[in-house]
Amino acid sequence: HTAYYDERYAAANNQHSPDYVYHSFWKNALAGDDQLGQRVAFALSQIFVVSLVDGNVAQSPRGVASYLDMLRRNAFGNFRTLLQEVSLHPMMGLYLSHMKNQGQGTRVPDENYAREVMQLFTIGLYQLNADGTPKTAADGTRLETYTNDDVTGLAKVFTGWSWAGPDTTDEYFRGSTSVPDREIQPMQAYDSYHAKGTKNFLGASCPAGTLAAQSLQCALDILFNHPNVGPFIGRQLIQRL
């Protein structure tokens, strides 16, 4: 998708347009020689959603093309790798607002991505058995997978991430100074903005004093190994395929 976008961009005298993304999607969906891969990537795009309707994302349609390429690249790969690439893609950072998230001082970290990565991308709202049926308490009520305290603890992990750049100065973190291709490069860590305290969530923790990249690896490993991931994501893939 990115290569097609760049061709259309050059042919249109360097004019950006979301139409290039739509055209590329349909071209591959209808005539691509990797139809199973295209189907799986489309299914993943319905789970790990970003949208050109969003005002921030709409400013970077080339980034959306690269996001679709990332989903296709991971269509037959490992879910843990996919989860990390989704979490660090700048289009997801814009869409679920963990780009430029700050965890130092008196500032409270943005909780949007922390909530959605659990609710939509990994474990869902309710505990599940291996066959996808809900676990219940003695009175028949469903057992929730996480609490608001878990969201607050996990939100600290997704602090200190912003646009890729040649260094980690404030200008690149804020985005006031940019580099070519930043919309298609993974977000980079800015440790001066990362919450340094312990991150407690889902009965586990990532230790205090870790760098942003270390905290991310720790948190994604915890999510990836949660018993809900298989039945929750598997059921969604069955529905969409």
C-alpha atoms as a PDB file:
ATOM      1  CA  HIS A   1       0.000   0.000   0.000  1.00  0.00           C
ATOM      2  CA  THR A   2       2.805   2.442   0.830  1.00  0.00           C
ATOM      3  CA  ALA A   3       4.540   1.893  -2.519  1.00  0.00           C
ATOM      4  CA  TYR A   4       1.260   2.448  -4.387  1.00  0.00           C
ATOM      5  CA  TYR A   5       0.594   5.566  -2.304  1.00  0.00           C
ATOM      6  CA  ASP A   6       4.013   6.980  -3.156  1.00  0.00           C
ATOM      7  CA  GLU A   7       3.463   6.347  -6.877  1.00  0.00           C
ATOM      8  CA  ARG A   8       0.126   8.159  -6.842  1.00  0.00           C
ATOM      9  CA  TYR A   9       1.559  10.967  -4.721  1.00  0.00           C
ATOM     10  CA  ALA A  10       4.380  11.566  -7.203  1.00  0.00           C
ATOM     11  CA  ALA A  11       2.020  11.369 -10.195  1.00  0.00           C
ATOM     12  CA  ALA A  12      -0.246  13.986  -8.591  1.00  0.00           C
ATOM     13  CA  ASN A  13       2.597  16.500  -8.187  1.00  0.00           C
ATOM     14  CA  ASN A  14       3.142  15.664  -4.527  1.00  0.00           C
ATOM     15  CA  GLN A  15      -0.477  16.004  -3.434  1.00  0.00           C
ATOM     16  CA  HIS A  16      -1.608  13.833  -0.520  1.00  0.00           C
ATOM     17  CA  SER A  17      -5.016  12.143  -0.582  1.00  0.00           C
ATOM     18  CA  PRO A  18      -6.763   9.404   1.415  1.00  0.00           C
ATOM     19  CA  ASP A  19      -8.183   8.201  -1.907  1.00  0.00           C
ATOM     20  CA  TYR A  20      -4.820   6.581  -2.681  1.00  0.00           C
ATOM     21  CA  VAL A  21      -5.294   4.363   0.389  1.00  0.00           C
ATOM     22  CA  TYR A  22      -8.803   3.347  -0.670  1.00  0.00           C
ATOM     23  CA  HIS A  23      -7.707   2.660  -4.238  1.00  0.00           C
ATOM     24  CA  SER A  24      -4.791   0.536  -3.050  1.00  0.00           C
ATOM     25  CA  PHE A  25      -6.989  -1.439  -0.663  1.00  0.00           C
ATOM     26  CA  TRP A  26      -9.513  -2.358  -3.353  1.00  0.00           C
ATOM     27  CA  LYS A  27      -6.809  -3.121  -5.910  1.00  0.00           C
ATOM     28  CA  ASN A  28      -5.205  -5.641  -3.552  1.00  0.00           C
ATOM     29  CA  ALA A  29      -8.501  -7.009  -2.253  1.00  0.00           C
ATOM     30  CA  LEU A  30      -9.796  -7.738  -5.741  1.00  0.00           C
ATOM     31  CA  ALA A  31      -6.685  -8.639  -7.679  1.00  0.00           C
ATOM     32  CA  GLY A  32      -3.864  -9.375  -5.235  1.00  0.00           C
ATOM     33  CA  ASP A  33      -2.141 -12.737  -5.648  1.00  0.00           C
ATOM     34  CA  ASP A  34      -2.136 -13.291  -1.855  1.00  0.00           C
ATOM     35  CA  GLN A  35      -5.872 -13.458  -1.202  1.00  0.00           C
ATOM     36  CA  LEU A  36      -5.650 -15.306   2.116  1.00  0.00           C
ATOM     37  CA  GLY A  37      -3.116 -12.783   3.368  1.00  0.00           C
ATOM     38  CA  GLN A  38      -5.359  -9.923   2.251  1.00  0.00           C
ATOM     39  CA  ARG A  39      -8.338 -11.497   4.027  1.00  0.00           C
ATOM     40  CA  VAL A  40      -6.435 -11.953   7.276  1.00  0.00           C
ATOM     41  CA  ALA A  41      -5.036  -8.404   7.105  1.00  0.00           C
ATOM     42  CA  PHE A  42      -8.571  -7.090   6.543  1.00  0.00           C
ATOM     43  CA  ALA A  43      -9.815  -9.102   9.530  1.00  0.00           C
ATOM     44  CA  LEU A  44      -7.006  -7.675  11.662  1.00  0.00           C
ATOM     45  CA  SER A  45      -7.902  -4.158  10.497  1.00  0.00           C
ATOM     46  CA  GLN A  46     -11.380  -4.682  11.948  1.00  0.00           C
ATOM     47  CA  ILE A  47      -9.891  -5.617  15.323  1.00  0.00           C
ATOM     48  CA  PHE A  48      -6.929  -3.218  15.498  1.00  0.00           C
ATOM     49  CA  VAL A  49      -8.865  -0.263  14.134  1.00  0.00           C
ATOM     50  CA  VAL A  50      -7.489   3.088  13.009  1.00  0.00           C
ATOM     51  CA  SER A  51      -9.641   5.422  10.951  1.00  0.00           C
ATOM     52  CA  LEU A  52      -9.140   8.140   8.382  1.00  0.00           C
ATOM     53  CA  VAL A  53     -12.337   9.675   9.753  1.00  0.00           C
ATOM     54  CA  ASP A  54     -10.281  10.745  12.775  1.00  0.00           C
ATOM     55  CA  GLY A  55      -8.978  14.269  12.261  1.00  0.00           C
ATOM     56  CA  ASN A  56      -5.454  13.525  13.501  1.00  0.00           C
ATOM     57  CA  VAL A  57      -5.065  10.339  11.467  1.00  0.00           C
ATOM     58  CA  ALA A  58      -6.552  11.977   8.364  1.00  0.00           C
ATOM     59  CA  GLN A  59      -3.565  14.317   8.220  1.00  0.00           C
ATOM     60  CA  SER A  60      -1.280  11.328   7.528  1.00  0.00           C
ATOM     61  CA  PRO A  61      -2.925   9.098   4.890  1.00  0.00           C
ATOM     62  CA  ARG A  62       0.484   7.718   3.892  1.00  0.00           C
ATOM     63  CA  GLY A  63       0.838   6.545   7.481  1.00  0.00           C
ATOM     64  CA  VAL A  64      -2.437   4.637   7.153  1.00  0.00           C
ATOM     65  CA  ALA A  65      -1.096   2.938   4.019  1.00  0.00           C
ATOM     66  CA  SER A  66       1.930   1.799   6.013  1.00  0.00           C
ATOM     67  CA  TYR A  67      -0.349   0.638   8.859  1.00  0.00           C
ATOM     68  CA  LEU A  68      -2.190  -1.636   6.425  1.00  0.00           C
ATOM     69  CA  ASP A  69       1.161  -2.932   5.178  1.00  0.00           C
ATOM     70  CA  MET A  70       2.126  -3.695   8.777  1.00  0.00           C
ATOM     71  CA  LEU A  71      -1.045  -5.740   9.288  1.00  0.00           C
ATOM     72  CA  ARG A  72      -0.394  -7.694   6.082  1.00  0.00           C
ATOM     73  CA  ARG A  73       3.223  -8.286   7.080  1.00  0.00           C
ATOM     74  CA  ASN A  74       2.035  -9.813  10.370  1.00  0.00           C
ATOM     75  CA  ALA A  75      -0.974 -11.692   8.970  1.00  0.00           C
ATOM     76  CA  PHE A  76       0.690 -15.101   9.336  1.00  0.00           C
ATOM     77  CA  GLY A  77       3.094 -14.151  12.105  1.00  0.00           C
ATOM     78  CA  ASN A  78       3.213 -14.159  15.891  1.00  0.00           C
ATOM     79  CA  PHE A  79       0.526 -12.303  17.823  1.00  0.00           C
ATOM     80  CA  ARG A  80       3.064 -10.882  20.285  1.00  0.00           C
ATOM     81  CA  THR A  81       4.996  -9.270  17.417  1.00  0.00           C
ATOM     82  CA  LEU A  82       1.785  -7.915  15.928  1.00  0.00           C
ATOM     83  CA  LEU A  83       0.749  -6.445  19.277  1.00  0.00           C
ATOM     84  CA  GLN A  84       4.024  -4.571  19.604  1.00  0.00           C
ATOM     85  CA  GLU A  85       3.983  -3.241  16.039  1.00  0.00           C
ATOM     86  CA  VAL A  86       0.382  -2.067  16.470  1.00  0.00           C
ATOM     87  CA  SER A  87       1.226  -0.379  19.783  1.00  0.00           C
ATOM     88  CA  LEU A  88       4.183   1.504  18.315  1.00  0.00           C
ATOM     89  CA  HIS A  89       2.720   2.496  14.964  1.00  0.00           C
ATOM     90  CA  PRO A  90       2.304   6.285  14.878  1.00  0.00           C
ATOM     91  CA  MET A  91      -1.197   5.998  13.380  1.00  0.00           C
ATOM     92  CA  MET A  92      -2.344   4.004  16.399  1.00  0.00           C
ATOM     93  CA  GLY A  93      -0.506   6.490  18.602  1.00  0.00           C
ATOM     94  CA  LEU A  94      -2.553   9.291  17.041  1.00  0.00           C
ATOM     95  CA  TYR A  95      -5.845   7.404  16.972  1.00  0.00           C
ATOM     96  CA  LEU A  96      -5.824   6.190  20.577  1.00  0.00           C
ATOM     97  CA  SER A  97      -3.827   9.171  21.883  1.00  0.00           C
ATOM     98  CA  HIS A  98      -0.821   7.515  23.542  1.00  0.00           C
ATOM     99  CA  MET A  99       1.548   9.424  21.276  1.00  0.00           C
ATOM    100  CA  LYS A 100       3.174  12.221  23.361  1.00  0.00           C
ATOM    101  CA  ASN A 101       1.727  10.655  26.523  1.00  0.00           C
ATOM    102  CA  GLN A 102       3.583  11.985  29.571  1.00  0.00           C
ATOM    103  CA  GLY A 103       4.108  10.307  32.915  1.00  0.00           C
ATOM    104  CA  GLN A 104       6.363  12.671  34.830  1.00  0.00           C
ATOM    105  CA  GLY A 105       5.550  15.331  37.405  1.00  0.00           C
ATOM    106  CA  THR A 106       1.924  15.933  38.353  1.00  0.00           C
ATOM    107  CA  ARG A 107       0.574  14.987  34.953  1.00  0.00           C
ATOM    108  CA  VAL A 108      -1.789  11.986  34.847  1.00  0.00           C
ATOM    109  CA  PRO A 109      -1.072   9.643  31.913  1.00  0.00           C
ATOM    110  CA  ASP A 110      -3.679   9.355  29.169  1.00  0.00           C
ATOM    111  CA  GLU A 111      -5.548   6.065  29.767  1.00  0.00           C
ATOM    112  CA  ASN A 112      -7.151   5.636  26.355  1.00  0.00           C
ATOM    113  CA  TYR A 113      -4.770   3.102  24.820  1.00  0.00           C
ATOM    114  CA  ALA A 114      -4.301   1.196  28.075  1.00  0.00           C
ATOM    115  CA  ARG A 115      -8.049   0.583  28.231  1.00  0.00           C
ATOM    116  CA  GLU A 116      -8.465  -0.296  24.575  1.00  0.00           C
ATOM    117  CA  VAL A 117      -5.446  -2.604  24.356  1.00  0.00           C
ATOM    118  CA  MET A 118      -7.097  -4.743  27.012  1.00  0.00           C
ATOM    119  CA  GLN A 119     -10.747  -4.372  26.052  1.00  0.00           C
ATOM    120  CA  LEU A 120     -10.388  -4.642  22.264  1.00  0.00           C
ATOM    121  CA  PHE A 121      -6.930  -5.978  21.384  1.00  0.00           C
ATOM    122  CA  THR A 122      -6.101  -8.737  23.870  1.00  0.00           C
ATOM    123  CA  ILE A 123      -8.322  -9.942  26.727  1.00  0.00           C
ATOM    124  CA  GLY A 124     -11.796  -8.400  26.392  1.00  0.00           C
ATOM    125  CA  LEU A 125     -14.176  -7.418  29.169  1.00  0.00           C
ATOM    126  CA  TYR A 126     -14.915 -10.832  30.698  1.00  0.00           C
ATOM    127  CA  GLN A 127     -12.874 -13.862  31.682  1.00  0.00           C
ATOM    128  CA  LEU A 128     -13.219 -16.751  29.233  1.00  0.00           C
ATOM    129  CA  ASN A 129     -12.756 -20.491  29.235  1.00  0.00           C
ATOM    130  CA  ALA A 130     -10.503 -21.985  26.574  1.00  0.00           C
ATOM    131  CA  ASP A 131     -13.527 -22.671  24.334  1.00  0.00           C
ATOM    132  CA  GLY A 132     -14.613 -19.023  24.475  1.00  0.00           C
ATOM    133  CA  THR A 133     -17.526 -19.481  26.896  1.00  0.00           C
ATOM    134  CA  PRO A 134     -17.638 -16.965  29.777  1.00  0.00           C
ATOM    135  CA  LYS A 135     -16.473 -17.836  33.256  1.00  0.00           C
ATOM    136  CA  THR A 136     -19.086 -17.051  35.889  1.00  0.00           C
ATOM    137  CA  ALA A 137     -19.363 -16.621  39.629  1.00  0.00           C
ATOM    138  CA  ALA A 138     -21.553 -18.874  41.768  1.00  0.00           C
ATOM    139  CA  ASP A 139     -24.550 -16.600  41.155  1.00  0.00           C
ATOM    140  CA  GLY A 140     -24.069 -16.787  37.379  1.00  0.00           C
ATOM    141  CA  THR A 141     -22.640 -13.303  36.861  1.00  0.00           C
ATOM    142  CA  ARG A 142     -19.732 -12.883  34.460  1.00  0.00           C
ATOM    143  CA  LEU A 143     -16.259 -12.249  35.871  1.00  0.00           C
ATOM    144  CA  GLU A 144     -14.613  -9.077  34.636  1.00  0.00           C
ATOM    145  CA  THR A 145     -11.057  -9.236  33.337  1.00  0.00           C
ATOM    146  CA  TYR A 146      -9.799  -5.886  34.625  1.00  0.00           C
ATOM    147  CA  THR A 147     -10.662  -2.924  36.839  1.00  0.00           C
ATOM    148  CA  ASN A 148     -10.080   0.796  36.529  1.00  0.00           C
ATOM    149  CA  ASP A 149      -6.991   0.381  38.731  1.00  0.00           C
ATOM    150  CA  ASP A 150      -5.574  -1.963  36.093  1.00  0.00           C
ATOM    151  CA  VAL A 151      -6.168   0.699  33.428  1.00  0.00           C
ATOM    152  CA  THR A 152      -4.415   3.317  35.576  1.00  0.00           C
ATOM    153  CA  GLY A 153      -1.437   1.043  36.182  1.00  0.00           C
ATOM    154  CA  LEU A 154      -1.080   0.015  32.547  1.00  0.00           C
ATOM    155  CA  ALA A 155      -1.424   3.616  31.320  1.00  0.00           C
ATOM    156  CA  LYS A 156       1.945   4.416  32.905  1.00  0.00           C
ATOM    157  CA  VAL A 157       3.580   1.957  30.492  1.00  0.00           C
ATOM    158  CA  PHE A 158       2.436   3.912  27.441  1.00  0.00           C
ATOM    159  CA  THR A 159       4.189   7.131  28.405  1.00  0.00           C
ATOM    160  CA  GLY A 160       7.251   8.589  26.731  1.00  0.00           C
ATOM    161  CA  TRP A 161       6.463   7.498  23.157  1.00  0.00           C
ATOM    162  CA  SER A 162       6.297   9.865  20.206  1.00  0.00           C
ATOM    163  CA  TRP A 163       7.414  10.465  16.627  1.00  0.00           C
ATOM    164  CA  ALA A 164      10.610   8.852  15.354  1.00  0.00           C
ATOM    165  CA  GLY A 165      13.567  11.189  15.061  1.00  0.00           C
ATOM    166  CA  PRO A 166      17.359  11.374  15.090  1.00  0.00           C
ATOM    167  CA  ASP A 167      17.439  12.116  18.831  1.00  0.00           C
ATOM    168  CA  THR A 168      15.133  12.404  21.838  1.00  0.00           C
ATOM    169  CA  THR A 169      15.014  16.152  22.303  1.00  0.00           C
ATOM    170  CA  ASP A 170      11.767  17.894  23.211  1.00  0.00           C
ATOM    171  CA  GLU A 171      11.252  19.222  19.686  1.00  0.00           C
ATOM    172  CA  TYR A 172      10.946  15.734  18.236  1.00  0.00           C
ATOM    173  CA  PHE A 173       8.775  14.537  21.121  1.00  0.00           C
ATOM    174  CA  ARG A 174       6.336  17.397  20.617  1.00  0.00           C
ATOM    175  CA  GLY A 175       6.486  16.981  16.848  1.00  0.00           C
ATOM    176  CA  SER A 176       7.394  20.610  16.233  1.00  0.00           C
ATOM    177  CA  THR A 177      10.479  19.379  14.356  1.00  0.00           C
ATOM    178  CA  SER A 178       9.946  16.462  12.008  1.00  0.00           C
ATOM    179  CA  VAL A 179      11.910  14.075   9.841  1.00  0.00           C
ATOM    180  CA  PRO A 180      10.897  12.459   6.530  1.00  0.00           C
ATOM    181  CA  ASP A 181       8.919   9.226   6.848  1.00  0.00           C
ATOM    182  CA  ARG A 182       8.073   9.736  10.503  1.00  0.00           C
ATOM    183  CA  GLU A 183       4.462   8.746   9.746  1.00  0.00           C
ATOM    184  CA  ILE A 184       5.587   5.272   8.648  1.00  0.00           C
ATOM    185  CA  GLN A 185       8.313   4.655  11.241  1.00  0.00           C
ATOM    186  CA  PRO A 186       7.582   3.114  14.660  1.00  0.00           C
ATOM    187  CA  MET A 187       7.316   5.566  17.516  1.00  0.00           C
ATOM    188  CA  GLN A 188      10.502   5.947  19.538  1.00  0.00           C
ATOM    189  CA  ALA A 189      11.019   6.118  23.294  1.00  0.00           C
ATOM    190  CA  TYR A 190      11.646   9.417  25.072  1.00  0.00           C
ATOM    191  CA  ASP A 191      12.631   8.233  28.525  1.00  0.00           C
ATOM    192  CA  SER A 192      12.535  11.681  30.105  1.00  0.00           C
ATOM    193  CA  TYR A 193       8.749  11.598  29.626  1.00  0.00           C
ATOM    194  CA  HIS A 194       8.261   8.000  30.799  1.00  0.00           C
ATOM    195  CA  ALA A 195       6.640   7.228  34.163  1.00  0.00           C
ATOM    196  CA  LYS A 196       9.409   5.777  36.318  1.00  0.00           C
ATOM    197  CA  GLY A 197       7.270   4.181  39.050  1.00  0.00           C
ATOM    198  CA  THR A 198       6.018   0.608  39.344  1.00  0.00           C
ATOM    199  CA  LYS A 199       3.260  -0.341  36.890  1.00  0.00           C
ATOM    200  CA  ASN A 200       0.772  -2.680  38.565  1.00  0.00           C
ATOM    201  CA  PHE A 201      -2.000  -4.304  36.529  1.00  0.00           C
ATOM    202  CA  LEU A 202      -3.743  -7.660  36.085  1.00  0.00           C
ATOM    203  CA  GLY A 203      -2.121  -9.031  39.227  1.00  0.00           C
ATOM    204  CA  ALA A 204       1.366  -8.477  37.813  1.00  0.00           C
ATOM    205  CA  SER A 205       3.809  -5.579  37.730  1.00  0.00           C
ATOM    206  CA  CYS A 206       6.558  -3.973  35.720  1.00  0.00           C
ATOM    207  CA  PRO A 207       9.277  -2.697  38.070  1.00  0.00           C
ATOM    208  CA  ALA A 208      10.061   0.903  38.878  1.00  0.00           C
ATOM    209  CA  GLY A 209      13.030   2.582  37.264  1.00  0.00           C
ATOM    210  CA  THR A 210      12.757   0.820  33.929  1.00  0.00           C
ATOM    211  CA  LEU A 211      13.104   2.600  30.605  1.00  0.00           C
ATOM    212  CA  ALA A 212      10.103   3.029  28.330  1.00  0.00           C
ATOM    213  CA  ALA A 213      11.130   0.174  26.019  1.00  0.00           C
ATOM    214  CA  GLN A 214      11.660  -2.192  28.961  1.00  0.00           C
ATOM    215  CA  SER A 215       8.280  -1.303  30.449  1.00  0.00           C
ATOM    216  CA  LEU A 216       6.620  -1.903  27.091  1.00  0.00           C
ATOM    217  CA  GLN A 217       8.221  -5.330  26.684  1.00  0.00           C
ATOM    218  CA  CYS A 218       7.175  -6.286  30.198  1.00  0.00           C
ATOM    219  CA  ALA A 219       3.567  -5.134  29.764  1.00  0.00           C
ATOM    220  CA  LEU A 220       3.042  -6.709  26.356  1.00  0.00           C
ATOM    221  CA  ASP A 221       4.447 -10.008  27.612  1.00  0.00           C
ATOM    222  CA  ILE A 222       1.923  -9.949  30.467  1.00  0.00           C
ATOM    223  CA  LEU A 223      -0.948  -9.233  28.094  1.00  0.00           C
ATOM    224  CA  PHE A 224       0.221 -11.783  25.515  1.00  0.00           C
ATOM    225  CA  ASN A 225       0.390 -14.562  28.108  1.00  0.00           C
ATOM    226  CA  HIS A 226      -3.056 -13.870  29.577  1.00  0.00           C
ATOM    227  CA  PRO A 227      -5.321 -16.941  29.107  1.00  0.00           C
ATOM    228  CA  ASN A 228      -8.067 -14.811  27.554  1.00  0.00           C
ATOM    229  CA  VAL A 229      -6.024 -13.846  24.483  1.00  0.00           C
ATOM    230  CA  GLY A 230      -6.462 -17.107  22.566  1.00  0.00           C
ATOM    231  CA  PRO A 231     -10.240 -17.463  22.868  1.00  0.00           C
ATOM    232  CA  PHE A 232     -10.929 -13.714  22.670  1.00  0.00           C
ATOM    233  CA  ILE A 233      -8.890 -12.989  19.538  1.00  0.00           C
ATOM    234  CA  GLY A 234      -9.587 -16.403  18.016  1.00  0.00           C
ATOM    235  CA  ARG A 235     -13.328 -15.875  18.184  1.00  0.00           C
ATOM    236  CA  GLN A 236     -13.037 -12.496  16.462  1.00  0.00           C
ATOM    237  CA  LEU A 237     -10.893 -13.957  13.680  1.00  0.00           C
ATOM    238  CA  ILE A 238     -13.424 -16.763  13.159  1.00  0.00           C
ATOM    239  CA  GLN A 239     -16.230 -14.198  12.903  1.00  0.00           C
ATOM    240  CA  ARG A 240     -14.389 -12.007  10.404  1.00  0.00           C
ATOM    241  CA  LEU A 241     -13.007 -14.825   8.260  1.00  0.00           C
END
